[in-house]
Amino acid sequence: MAKPPGLELRDGDRFALIAGSGRLPVEVAEGLERQGKPPFVIVIEGEADTEAFRRYDHQVMRLEDAGDVRGLLVRKSVTHAVLAGGIARRPRLGEFRPSLGLLAALPRLGLGLARGDDGLLKLLIRHLEAAGIKVVGAHEAVPDLLAAEGVMTEAKPTKADWRDLRVAYEAALAIGRLDIGQAAISVHGRVIAVEGIEGTDGLLERARSLRSHGRVASFSRGVLVKCAKPGQELRADLPTIGPATVEGAHAAGLVGIGVEAGRSLILDWPGVMQRAGTLGIFVVGLSGENAS
């Protein structure tokens, strides 16, 4: 089996996948299966599609039962865990089911909720690693999901597009420092929208609405940029794009997408390239050098 970079795997190692919404957890499970390491999947109730994980050893779990995760993974002899996919709501602390694991974690979970998404993720990772379970990122478990540096499509950015990419990249970093979001849209050298709680799809829909209402000129080119938040826990919630992102960018009148190379994920690579080629959208992996 080909070993992902940075992972020292042994024959007896076993992966768990804590699956939220979206395509990412499905691709992680399939990637691990290709490597001969089919995961045990915890399907987050109301977030992940249970049908997508039927062929794996799995268990459906409510967010409010999160205190049981560590004990369950220990019983399943899990050595490595991957957190993948979105969580649309926060757990309701008043509905947590009492357990020894919960009683130990409850004060820290409350603190994590107060500190936002990244704070909660960091606390969950520490909670798992205290039991000897190594938490790894989706990009470590399935490294071919990572975005490469440079232009990845036949369509290329113009000089004006590169200006928009730089402007949107700086805006995305700025909102990331505040733990607001990971994406921004720039049109004609000006930021017109940044990602909030509605996510990237909602951001693109908002940009489309701005054009349809004449707030942004219909003929102006523009770009979407996604990058990791400064200081972000990279083992969860990396910026992600897929075919739907390309469709949404085109519907919003944009001509390109920039993602942070080596710190962003591309789901369904063939689908992204096919839709980008058909719609004339460029996709580029940005580094600190080519984004500045």
C-alpha atoms as a PDB file:
ATOM      1  CA  MET A   1       0.000   0.000   0.000  1.00  0.00           C
ATOM      2  CA  ALA A   2       1.262   3.473  -0.885  1.00  0.00           C
ATOM      3  CA  LYS A   3       1.698   5.435   2.314  1.00  0.00           C
ATOM      4  CA  PRO A   4       0.468   9.045   2.470  1.00  0.00           C
ATOM      5  CA  PRO A   5       3.269  11.529   3.252  1.00  0.00           C
ATOM      6  CA  GLY A   6       3.921  11.993   6.946  1.00  0.00           C
ATOM      7  CA  LEU A   7       1.989   8.922   8.074  1.00  0.00           C
ATOM      8  CA  GLU A   8       3.826   5.970   9.542  1.00  0.00           C
ATOM      9  CA  LEU A   9       1.261   3.219   9.136  1.00  0.00           C
ATOM     10  CA  ARG A  10       1.478  -0.339  10.394  1.00  0.00           C
ATOM     11  CA  ASP A  11      -0.505  -3.379   9.322  1.00  0.00           C
ATOM     12  CA  GLY A  12      -2.685  -3.241  12.432  1.00  0.00           C
ATOM     13  CA  ASP A  13      -3.562   0.453  12.133  1.00  0.00           C
ATOM     14  CA  ARG A  14      -7.229   1.284  11.652  1.00  0.00           C
ATOM     15  CA  PHE A  15      -8.843   4.508  10.465  1.00  0.00           C
ATOM     16  CA  ALA A  16     -12.049   6.099  11.690  1.00  0.00           C
ATOM     17  CA  LEU A  17     -13.837   8.724   9.637  1.00  0.00           C
ATOM     18  CA  ILE A  18     -16.065  11.203  11.466  1.00  0.00           C
ATOM     19  CA  ALA A  19     -18.333  12.182   8.585  1.00  0.00           C
ATOM     20  CA  GLY A  20     -20.261  15.427   8.219  1.00  0.00           C
ATOM     21  CA  SER A  21     -22.066  16.725   5.169  1.00  0.00           C
ATOM     22  CA  GLY A  22     -20.844  17.085   1.606  1.00  0.00           C
ATOM     23  CA  ARG A  23     -18.726  15.071  -0.794  1.00  0.00           C
ATOM     24  CA  LEU A  24     -15.437  15.230   1.145  1.00  0.00           C
ATOM     25  CA  PRO A  25     -16.110  12.396   3.637  1.00  0.00           C
ATOM     26  CA  VAL A  26     -17.204  10.112   0.783  1.00  0.00           C
ATOM     27  CA  GLU A  27     -13.989  10.797  -1.120  1.00  0.00           C
ATOM     28  CA  VAL A  28     -11.900  10.254   2.019  1.00  0.00           C
ATOM     29  CA  ALA A  29     -13.595   6.906   2.663  1.00  0.00           C
ATOM     30  CA  GLU A  30     -13.083   5.828  -0.959  1.00  0.00           C
ATOM     31  CA  GLY A  31      -9.456   6.985  -0.911  1.00  0.00           C
ATOM     32  CA  LEU A  32      -8.710   5.035   2.262  1.00  0.00           C
ATOM     33  CA  GLU A  33     -10.437   1.986   0.815  1.00  0.00           C
ATOM     34  CA  ARG A  34      -8.226   2.175  -2.300  1.00  0.00           C
ATOM     35  CA  GLN A  35      -5.205   2.121   0.017  1.00  0.00           C
ATOM     36  CA  GLY A  36      -6.461  -1.034   1.733  1.00  0.00           C
ATOM     37  CA  LYS A  37      -7.648   0.827   4.853  1.00  0.00           C
ATOM     38  CA  PRO A  38     -11.478   0.950   4.706  1.00  0.00           C
ATOM     39  CA  PRO A  39     -12.513   3.151   7.640  1.00  0.00           C
ATOM     40  CA  PHE A  40     -14.935   2.737  10.476  1.00  0.00           C
ATOM     41  CA  VAL A  41     -17.361   5.627   9.870  1.00  0.00           C
ATOM     42  CA  ILE A  42     -19.183   7.689  12.455  1.00  0.00           C
ATOM     43  CA  VAL A  43     -22.072   9.206  10.498  1.00  0.00           C
ATOM     44  CA  ILE A  44     -23.177  12.478  12.090  1.00  0.00           C
ATOM     45  CA  GLU A  45     -26.970  12.336  12.215  1.00  0.00           C
ATOM     46  CA  GLY A  46     -28.661  15.008  10.124  1.00  0.00           C
ATOM     47  CA  GLU A  47     -25.391  15.944   8.394  1.00  0.00           C
ATOM     48  CA  ALA A  48     -23.868  12.980   6.526  1.00  0.00           C
ATOM     49  CA  ASP A  49     -25.714  10.745   4.065  1.00  0.00           C
ATOM     50  CA  THR A  50     -25.955   7.354   5.762  1.00  0.00           C
ATOM     51  CA  GLU A  51     -26.565   5.572   2.447  1.00  0.00           C
ATOM     52  CA  ALA A  52     -23.161   6.693   1.163  1.00  0.00           C
ATOM     53  CA  PHE A  53     -21.447   4.681   3.929  1.00  0.00           C
ATOM     54  CA  ARG A  54     -23.577   1.522   4.021  1.00  0.00           C
ATOM     55  CA  ARG A  55     -20.765  -0.690   2.761  1.00  0.00           C
ATOM     56  CA  TYR A  56     -18.438   0.349   5.584  1.00  0.00           C
ATOM     57  CA  ASP A  57     -18.551  -0.582   9.239  1.00  0.00           C
ATOM     58  CA  HIS A  58     -20.413   2.465  10.541  1.00  0.00           C
ATOM     59  CA  GLN A  59     -22.519   3.938  13.307  1.00  0.00           C
ATOM     60  CA  VAL A  60     -24.901   6.890  13.219  1.00  0.00           C
ATOM     61  CA  MET A  61     -24.355   9.342  16.071  1.00  0.00           C
ATOM     62  CA  ARG A  62     -26.017  12.555  17.197  1.00  0.00           C
ATOM     63  CA  LEU A  63     -23.859  15.596  17.857  1.00  0.00           C
ATOM     64  CA  GLU A  64     -25.191  15.522  21.397  1.00  0.00           C
ATOM     65  CA  ASP A  65     -23.616  12.084  21.901  1.00  0.00           C
ATOM     66  CA  ALA A  66     -20.139  13.404  21.076  1.00  0.00           C
ATOM     67  CA  GLY A  67     -18.928  12.502  24.564  1.00  0.00           C
ATOM     68  CA  ASP A  68     -19.128   8.833  23.516  1.00  0.00           C
ATOM     69  CA  VAL A  69     -16.912   9.177  20.428  1.00  0.00           C
ATOM     70  CA  ARG A  70     -13.611   8.521  22.170  1.00  0.00           C
ATOM     71  CA  GLY A  71     -14.809   5.381  23.958  1.00  0.00           C
ATOM     72  CA  LEU A  72     -16.370   4.033  20.765  1.00  0.00           C
ATOM     73  CA  LEU A  73     -13.171   4.502  18.763  1.00  0.00           C
ATOM     74  CA  VAL A  74     -11.130   2.796  21.466  1.00  0.00           C
ATOM     75  CA  ARG A  75     -13.531  -0.178  21.442  1.00  0.00           C
ATOM     76  CA  LYS A  76     -13.191  -0.363  17.651  1.00  0.00           C
ATOM     77  CA  SER A  77      -9.355  -0.457  17.978  1.00  0.00           C
ATOM     78  CA  VAL A  78      -9.038   2.763  15.963  1.00  0.00           C
ATOM     79  CA  THR A  79      -5.517   4.207  15.752  1.00  0.00           C
ATOM     80  CA  HIS A  80      -6.094   7.134  13.327  1.00  0.00           C
ATOM     81  CA  ALA A  81      -9.099   9.434  12.922  1.00  0.00           C
ATOM     82  CA  VAL A  82     -10.075  11.819  10.128  1.00  0.00           C
ATOM     83  CA  LEU A  83     -12.648  14.593  10.546  1.00  0.00           C
ATOM     84  CA  ALA A  84     -14.278  15.470   7.224  1.00  0.00           C
ATOM     85  CA  GLY A  85     -17.386  17.278   6.047  1.00  0.00           C
ATOM     86  CA  GLY A  86     -19.542  20.138   7.227  1.00  0.00           C
ATOM     87  CA  ILE A  87     -21.569  20.524  10.404  1.00  0.00           C
ATOM     88  CA  ALA A  88     -24.472  22.920   9.893  1.00  0.00           C
ATOM     89  CA  ARG A  89     -25.441  23.346  13.535  1.00  0.00           C
ATOM     90  CA  ARG A  90     -23.788  23.522  16.916  1.00  0.00           C
ATOM     91  CA  PRO A  91     -24.489  20.819  19.535  1.00  0.00           C
ATOM     92  CA  ARG A  92     -27.029  21.757  22.193  1.00  0.00           C
ATOM     93  CA  LEU A  93     -25.226  21.314  25.515  1.00  0.00           C
ATOM     94  CA  GLY A  94     -28.510  20.886  27.385  1.00  0.00           C
ATOM     95  CA  GLU A  95     -29.272  17.743  25.354  1.00  0.00           C
ATOM     96  CA  PHE A  96     -25.955  15.964  25.825  1.00  0.00           C
ATOM     97  CA  ARG A  97     -26.386  12.422  27.138  1.00  0.00           C
ATOM     98  CA  PRO A  98     -24.459  12.020  30.411  1.00  0.00           C
ATOM     99  CA  SER A  99     -21.386   9.772  30.312  1.00  0.00           C
ATOM    100  CA  LEU A 100     -17.971   9.706  31.958  1.00  0.00           C
ATOM    101  CA  GLY A 101     -16.381  10.944  28.750  1.00  0.00           C
ATOM    102  CA  LEU A 102     -18.927  13.720  28.496  1.00  0.00           C
ATOM    103  CA  LEU A 103     -18.495  14.844  32.092  1.00  0.00           C
ATOM    104  CA  ALA A 104     -14.752  15.177  31.521  1.00  0.00           C
ATOM    105  CA  ALA A 105     -15.167  17.015  28.205  1.00  0.00           C
ATOM    106  CA  LEU A 106     -18.166  19.236  28.978  1.00  0.00           C
ATOM    107  CA  PRO A 107     -16.342  22.307  30.344  1.00  0.00           C
ATOM    108  CA  ARG A 108     -13.939  22.301  27.377  1.00  0.00           C
ATOM    109  CA  LEU A 109     -16.767  21.786  24.884  1.00  0.00           C
ATOM    110  CA  GLY A 110     -18.525  24.826  26.286  1.00  0.00           C
ATOM    111  CA  LEU A 111     -15.325  26.836  25.926  1.00  0.00           C
ATOM    112  CA  GLY A 112     -14.929  25.586  22.353  1.00  0.00           C
ATOM    113  CA  LEU A 113     -18.455  26.680  21.449  1.00  0.00           C
ATOM    114  CA  ALA A 114     -17.635  30.156  22.735  1.00  0.00           C
ATOM    115  CA  ARG A 115     -14.433  30.310  20.671  1.00  0.00           C
ATOM    116  CA  GLY A 116     -16.054  29.418  17.351  1.00  0.00           C
ATOM    117  CA  ASP A 117     -15.662  26.575  14.873  1.00  0.00           C
ATOM    118  CA  ASP A 118     -11.868  26.327  14.933  1.00  0.00           C
ATOM    119  CA  GLY A 119     -11.730  26.362  18.734  1.00  0.00           C
ATOM    120  CA  LEU A 120     -14.258  23.530  18.926  1.00  0.00           C
ATOM    121  CA  LEU A 121     -12.331  21.463  16.369  1.00  0.00           C
ATOM    122  CA  LYS A 122      -9.069  21.879  18.266  1.00  0.00           C
ATOM    123  CA  LEU A 123     -10.691  20.763  21.503  1.00  0.00           C
ATOM    124  CA  LEU A 124     -12.244  17.705  19.848  1.00  0.00           C
ATOM    125  CA  ILE A 125      -8.857  16.744  18.393  1.00  0.00           C
ATOM    126  CA  ARG A 126      -7.181  17.061  21.792  1.00  0.00           C
ATOM    127  CA  HIS A 127      -9.971  14.985  23.345  1.00  0.00           C
ATOM    128  CA  LEU A 128      -9.343  12.138  20.872  1.00  0.00           C
ATOM    129  CA  GLU A 129      -5.565  12.301  21.027  1.00  0.00           C
ATOM    130  CA  ALA A 130      -5.686  12.024  24.830  1.00  0.00           C
ATOM    131  CA  ALA A 131      -6.813   8.424  24.220  1.00  0.00           C
ATOM    132  CA  GLY A 132      -3.852   7.735  21.929  1.00  0.00           C
ATOM    133  CA  ILE A 133      -5.824   8.185  18.689  1.00  0.00           C
ATOM    134  CA  LYS A 134      -3.808  10.112  16.096  1.00  0.00           C
ATOM    135  CA  VAL A 135      -5.986  12.685  14.324  1.00  0.00           C
ATOM    136  CA  VAL A 136      -4.867  13.356  10.746  1.00  0.00           C
ATOM    137  CA  GLY A 137      -6.165  15.648   8.039  1.00  0.00           C
ATOM    138  CA  ALA A 138      -8.049  14.486   4.966  1.00  0.00           C
ATOM    139  CA  HIS A 139      -5.077  15.736   2.933  1.00  0.00           C
ATOM    140  CA  GLU A 140      -2.742  13.435   4.905  1.00  0.00           C
ATOM    141  CA  ALA A 141      -4.980  10.388   4.585  1.00  0.00           C
ATOM    142  CA  VAL A 142      -5.744  10.985   0.888  1.00  0.00           C
ATOM    143  CA  PRO A 143      -3.018  13.350  -0.379  1.00  0.00           C
ATOM    144  CA  ASP A 144      -4.163  13.335  -4.018  1.00  0.00           C
ATOM    145  CA  LEU A 145      -7.061  15.597  -2.941  1.00  0.00           C
ATOM    146  CA  LEU A 146      -4.663  18.506  -2.382  1.00  0.00           C
ATOM    147  CA  ALA A 147      -4.627  21.428  -4.824  1.00  0.00           C
ATOM    148  CA  ALA A 148      -1.379  21.848  -6.747  1.00  0.00           C
ATOM    149  CA  GLU A 149       0.361  25.169  -7.341  1.00  0.00           C
ATOM    150  CA  GLY A 150      -0.210  27.013 -10.623  1.00  0.00           C
ATOM    151  CA  VAL A 151      -2.883  27.090 -13.311  1.00  0.00           C
ATOM    152  CA  MET A 152      -4.657  23.725 -13.577  1.00  0.00           C
ATOM    153  CA  THR A 153      -7.027  24.423 -16.474  1.00  0.00           C
ATOM    154  CA  GLU A 154      -6.845  25.322 -20.155  1.00  0.00           C
ATOM    155  CA  ALA A 155      -8.325  28.731 -19.383  1.00  0.00           C
ATOM    156  CA  LYS A 156      -5.687  31.127 -17.998  1.00  0.00           C
ATOM    157  CA  PRO A 157      -5.980  34.256 -15.849  1.00  0.00           C
ATOM    158  CA  THR A 158      -5.375  37.603 -17.541  1.00  0.00           C
ATOM    159  CA  LYS A 159      -3.277  40.329 -15.942  1.00  0.00           C
ATOM    160  CA  ALA A 160      -6.478  41.887 -14.558  1.00  0.00           C
ATOM    161  CA  ASP A 161      -7.573  38.495 -13.226  1.00  0.00           C
ATOM    162  CA  TRP A 162      -4.299  38.141 -11.312  1.00  0.00           C
ATOM    163  CA  ARG A 163      -5.023  41.501  -9.665  1.00  0.00           C
ATOM    164  CA  ASP A 164      -8.445  40.216  -8.621  1.00  0.00           C
ATOM    165  CA  LEU A 165      -6.875  37.019  -7.311  1.00  0.00           C
ATOM    166  CA  ARG A 166      -4.460  39.004  -5.134  1.00  0.00           C
ATOM    167  CA  VAL A 167      -7.226  41.272  -3.814  1.00  0.00           C
ATOM    168  CA  ALA A 168      -9.566  38.380  -3.020  1.00  0.00           C
ATOM    169  CA  TYR A 169      -6.728  36.391  -1.424  1.00  0.00           C
ATOM    170  CA  GLU A 170      -5.920  39.237   0.974  1.00  0.00           C
ATOM    171  CA  ALA A 171      -9.602  39.650   1.830  1.00  0.00           C
ATOM    172  CA  ALA A 172      -9.986  35.919   2.497  1.00  0.00           C
ATOM    173  CA  LEU A 173      -6.976  36.015   4.822  1.00  0.00           C
ATOM    174  CA  ALA A 174      -8.425  39.021   6.648  1.00  0.00           C
ATOM    175  CA  ILE A 175     -11.781  37.389   7.390  1.00  0.00           C
ATOM    176  CA  GLY A 176      -9.980  34.145   8.242  1.00  0.00           C
ATOM    177  CA  ARG A 177      -8.047  35.887  11.002  1.00  0.00           C
ATOM    178  CA  LEU A 178     -11.439  36.726  12.552  1.00  0.00           C
ATOM    179  CA  ASP A 179     -12.698  33.126  12.100  1.00  0.00           C
ATOM    180  CA  ILE A 180     -15.514  34.406   9.847  1.00  0.00           C
ATOM    181  CA  GLY A 181     -14.942  32.413   6.658  1.00  0.00           C
ATOM    182  CA  GLN A 182     -12.463  31.212   4.065  1.00  0.00           C
ATOM    183  CA  ALA A 183     -13.503  32.848   0.794  1.00  0.00           C
ATOM    184  CA  ALA A 184     -13.857  36.211  -0.923  1.00  0.00           C
ATOM    185  CA  ILE A 185     -14.911  37.487  -4.342  1.00  0.00           C
ATOM    186  CA  SER A 186     -13.192  40.324  -6.179  1.00  0.00           C
ATOM    187  CA  VAL A 187     -14.527  42.037  -9.311  1.00  0.00           C
ATOM    188  CA  HIS A 188     -12.511  44.641 -11.183  1.00  0.00           C
ATOM    189  CA  GLY A 189     -10.019  45.030  -8.335  1.00  0.00           C
ATOM    190  CA  ARG A 190     -12.669  45.464  -5.628  1.00  0.00           C
ATOM    191  CA  VAL A 191     -13.965  42.993  -3.020  1.00  0.00           C
ATOM    192  CA  ILE A 192     -17.724  42.662  -3.519  1.00  0.00           C
ATOM    193  CA  ALA A 193     -18.516  39.863  -1.067  1.00  0.00           C
ATOM    194  CA  VAL A 194     -16.912  37.704   1.630  1.00  0.00           C
ATOM    195  CA  GLU A 195     -17.969  34.338   3.013  1.00  0.00           C
ATOM    196  CA  GLY A 196     -20.048  34.214   6.169  1.00  0.00           C
ATOM    197  CA  ILE A 197     -21.992  31.547   7.965  1.00  0.00           C
ATOM    198  CA  GLU A 198     -23.862  30.624   4.766  1.00  0.00           C
ATOM    199  CA  GLY A 199     -20.707  29.062   3.264  1.00  0.00           C
ATOM    200  CA  THR A 200     -19.268  29.274  -0.240  1.00  0.00           C
ATOM    201  CA  ASP A 201     -22.481  28.283  -2.024  1.00  0.00           C
ATOM    202  CA  GLY A 202     -24.331  31.074  -0.261  1.00  0.00           C
ATOM    203  CA  LEU A 203     -21.522  33.524  -1.046  1.00  0.00           C
ATOM    204  CA  LEU A 204     -21.724  32.697  -4.760  1.00  0.00           C
ATOM    205  CA  GLU A 205     -25.510  33.002  -4.726  1.00  0.00           C
ATOM    206  CA  ARG A 206     -25.178  36.425  -3.094  1.00  0.00           C
ATOM    207  CA  ALA A 207     -22.713  37.506  -5.795  1.00  0.00           C
ATOM    208  CA  ARG A 208     -25.104  36.257  -8.494  1.00  0.00           C
ATOM    209  CA  SER A 209     -27.896  38.289  -6.914  1.00  0.00           C
ATOM    210  CA  LEU A 210     -25.713  41.412  -6.866  1.00  0.00           C
ATOM    211  CA  ARG A 211     -25.215  41.083 -10.609  1.00  0.00           C
ATOM    212  CA  SER A 212     -28.884  40.397 -11.338  1.00  0.00           C
ATOM    213  CA  HIS A 213     -29.869  43.528  -9.386  1.00  0.00           C
ATOM    214  CA  GLY A 214     -27.292  45.674 -11.191  1.00  0.00           C
ATOM    215  CA  ARG A 215     -25.086  46.255  -8.159  1.00  0.00           C
ATOM    216  CA  VAL A 216     -22.181  44.708 -10.093  1.00  0.00           C
ATOM    217  CA  ALA A 217     -21.784  45.285 -13.836  1.00  0.00           C
ATOM    218  CA  SER A 218     -22.830  42.214 -15.808  1.00  0.00           C
ATOM    219  CA  PHE A 219     -19.797  42.486 -18.136  1.00  0.00           C
ATOM    220  CA  SER A 220     -17.157  42.718 -15.356  1.00  0.00           C
ATOM    221  CA  ARG A 221     -14.870  39.746 -14.846  1.00  0.00           C
ATOM    222  CA  GLY A 222     -14.243  38.523 -11.326  1.00  0.00           C
ATOM    223  CA  VAL A 223     -12.827  35.670  -9.235  1.00  0.00           C
ATOM    224  CA  LEU A 224     -13.491  33.571  -6.168  1.00  0.00           C
ATOM    225  CA  VAL A 225     -10.578  32.775  -3.824  1.00  0.00           C
ATOM    226  CA  LYS A 226     -10.575  30.276  -0.959  1.00  0.00           C
ATOM    227  CA  CYS A 227      -7.724  29.872   1.531  1.00  0.00           C
ATOM    228  CA  ALA A 228      -7.136  28.432   4.976  1.00  0.00           C
ATOM    229  CA  LYS A 229      -7.631  30.715   7.951  1.00  0.00           C
ATOM    230  CA  PRO A 230      -4.330  31.938   9.458  1.00  0.00           C
ATOM    231  CA  GLY A 231      -3.497  29.647  12.358  1.00  0.00           C
ATOM    232  CA  GLN A 232      -6.252  27.223  11.339  1.00  0.00           C
ATOM    233  CA  GLU A 233      -6.267  23.640  12.556  1.00  0.00           C
ATOM    234  CA  LEU A 234      -5.333  22.011   9.220  1.00  0.00           C
ATOM    235  CA  ARG A 235      -6.558  18.564  10.242  1.00  0.00           C
ATOM    236  CA  ALA A 236     -10.164  19.663   9.768  1.00  0.00           C
ATOM    237  CA  ASP A 237     -12.170  22.058   7.621  1.00  0.00           C
ATOM    238  CA  LEU A 238      -9.618  22.788   4.895  1.00  0.00           C
ATOM    239  CA  PRO A 239     -10.977  24.974   2.064  1.00  0.00           C
ATOM    240  CA  THR A 240     -12.658  22.775  -0.546  1.00  0.00           C
ATOM    241  CA  ILE A 241     -14.006  23.167  -4.071  1.00  0.00           C
ATOM    242  CA  GLY A 242     -15.797  20.769  -6.401  1.00  0.00           C
ATOM    243  CA  PRO A 243     -17.860  20.818  -9.613  1.00  0.00           C
ATOM    244  CA  ALA A 244     -20.688  22.674  -7.841  1.00  0.00           C
ATOM    245  CA  THR A 245     -18.244  25.470  -6.967  1.00  0.00           C
ATOM    246  CA  VAL A 246     -17.365  25.846 -10.644  1.00  0.00           C
ATOM    247  CA  GLU A 247     -21.060  25.927 -11.560  1.00  0.00           C
ATOM    248  CA  GLY A 248     -21.746  28.513  -8.858  1.00  0.00           C
ATOM    249  CA  ALA A 249     -18.842  30.715  -9.938  1.00  0.00           C
ATOM    250  CA  HIS A 250     -20.056  30.675 -13.535  1.00  0.00           C
ATOM    251  CA  ALA A 251     -23.624  31.494 -12.477  1.00  0.00           C
ATOM    252  CA  ALA A 252     -22.242  34.459 -10.500  1.00  0.00           C
ATOM    253  CA  GLY A 253     -20.530  35.775 -13.633  1.00  0.00           C
ATOM    254  CA  LEU A 254     -17.014  34.946 -12.430  1.00  0.00           C
ATOM    255  CA  VAL A 255     -14.234  33.758 -14.709  1.00  0.00           C
ATOM    256  CA  GLY A 256     -11.950  31.957 -12.283  1.00  0.00           C
ATOM    257  CA  ILE A 257     -11.307  30.299  -8.944  1.00  0.00           C
ATOM    258  CA  GLY A 258      -8.157  30.528  -6.850  1.00  0.00           C
ATOM    259  CA  VAL A 259      -7.385  28.089  -4.038  1.00  0.00           C
ATOM    260  CA  GLU A 260      -4.436  27.950  -1.668  1.00  0.00           C
ATOM    261  CA  ALA A 261      -1.985  25.374  -3.018  1.00  0.00           C
ATOM    262  CA  GLY A 262      -1.133  22.598  -0.575  1.00  0.00           C
ATOM    263  CA  ARG A 263      -3.768  23.803   1.915  1.00  0.00           C
ATOM    264  CA  SER A 264      -6.980  23.328  -0.085  1.00  0.00           C
ATOM    265  CA  LEU A 265      -8.823  20.282  -1.395  1.00  0.00           C
ATOM    266  CA  ILE A 266     -10.277  19.611  -4.838  1.00  0.00           C
ATOM    267  CA  LEU A 267     -13.106  17.076  -4.853  1.00  0.00           C
ATOM    268  CA  ASP A 268     -13.980  15.112  -7.992  1.00  0.00           C
ATOM    269  CA  TRP A 269     -10.963  16.367  -9.927  1.00  0.00           C
ATOM    270  CA  PRO A 270     -12.223  15.025 -13.303  1.00  0.00           C
ATOM    271  CA  GLY A 271     -15.583  16.693 -12.732  1.00  0.00           C
ATOM    272  CA  VAL A 272     -13.983  20.021 -11.805  1.00  0.00           C
ATOM    273  CA  MET A 273     -11.768  19.985 -14.887  1.00  0.00           C
ATOM    274  CA  GLN A 274     -14.642  18.960 -17.171  1.00  0.00           C
ATOM    275  CA  ARG A 275     -17.009  21.683 -15.946  1.00  0.00           C
ATOM    276  CA  ALA A 276     -14.257  24.318 -15.886  1.00  0.00           C
ATOM    277  CA  GLY A 277     -13.321  23.445 -19.473  1.00  0.00           C
ATOM    278  CA  THR A 278     -16.924  23.560 -20.673  1.00  0.00           C
ATOM    279  CA  LEU A 279     -17.693  26.861 -18.936  1.00  0.00           C
ATOM    280  CA  GLY A 280     -14.341  28.546 -19.637  1.00  0.00           C
ATOM    281  CA  ILE A 281     -13.470  28.923 -15.951  1.00  0.00           C
ATOM    282  CA  PHE A 282      -9.842  28.883 -14.827  1.00  0.00           C
ATOM    283  CA  VAL A 283      -8.705  27.179 -11.611  1.00  0.00           C
ATOM    284  CA  VAL A 284      -5.366  28.178 -10.102  1.00  0.00           C
ATOM    285  CA  GLY A 285      -3.428  27.056  -7.042  1.00  0.00           C
ATOM    286  CA  LEU A 286      -2.057  30.075  -5.198  1.00  0.00           C
ATOM    287  CA  SER A 287       1.045  30.230  -3.053  1.00  0.00           C
ATOM    288  CA  GLY A 288       2.243  33.116  -0.934  1.00  0.00           C
ATOM    289  CA  GLU A 289       4.454  34.193  -3.829  1.00  0.00           C
ATOM    290  CA  ASN A 290       2.037  34.107  -6.756  1.00  0.00           C
ATOM    291  CA  ALA A 291      -0.795  35.575  -4.682  1.00  0.00           C
ATOM    292  CA  SER A 292       1.165  38.624  -3.541  1.00  0.00           C
END
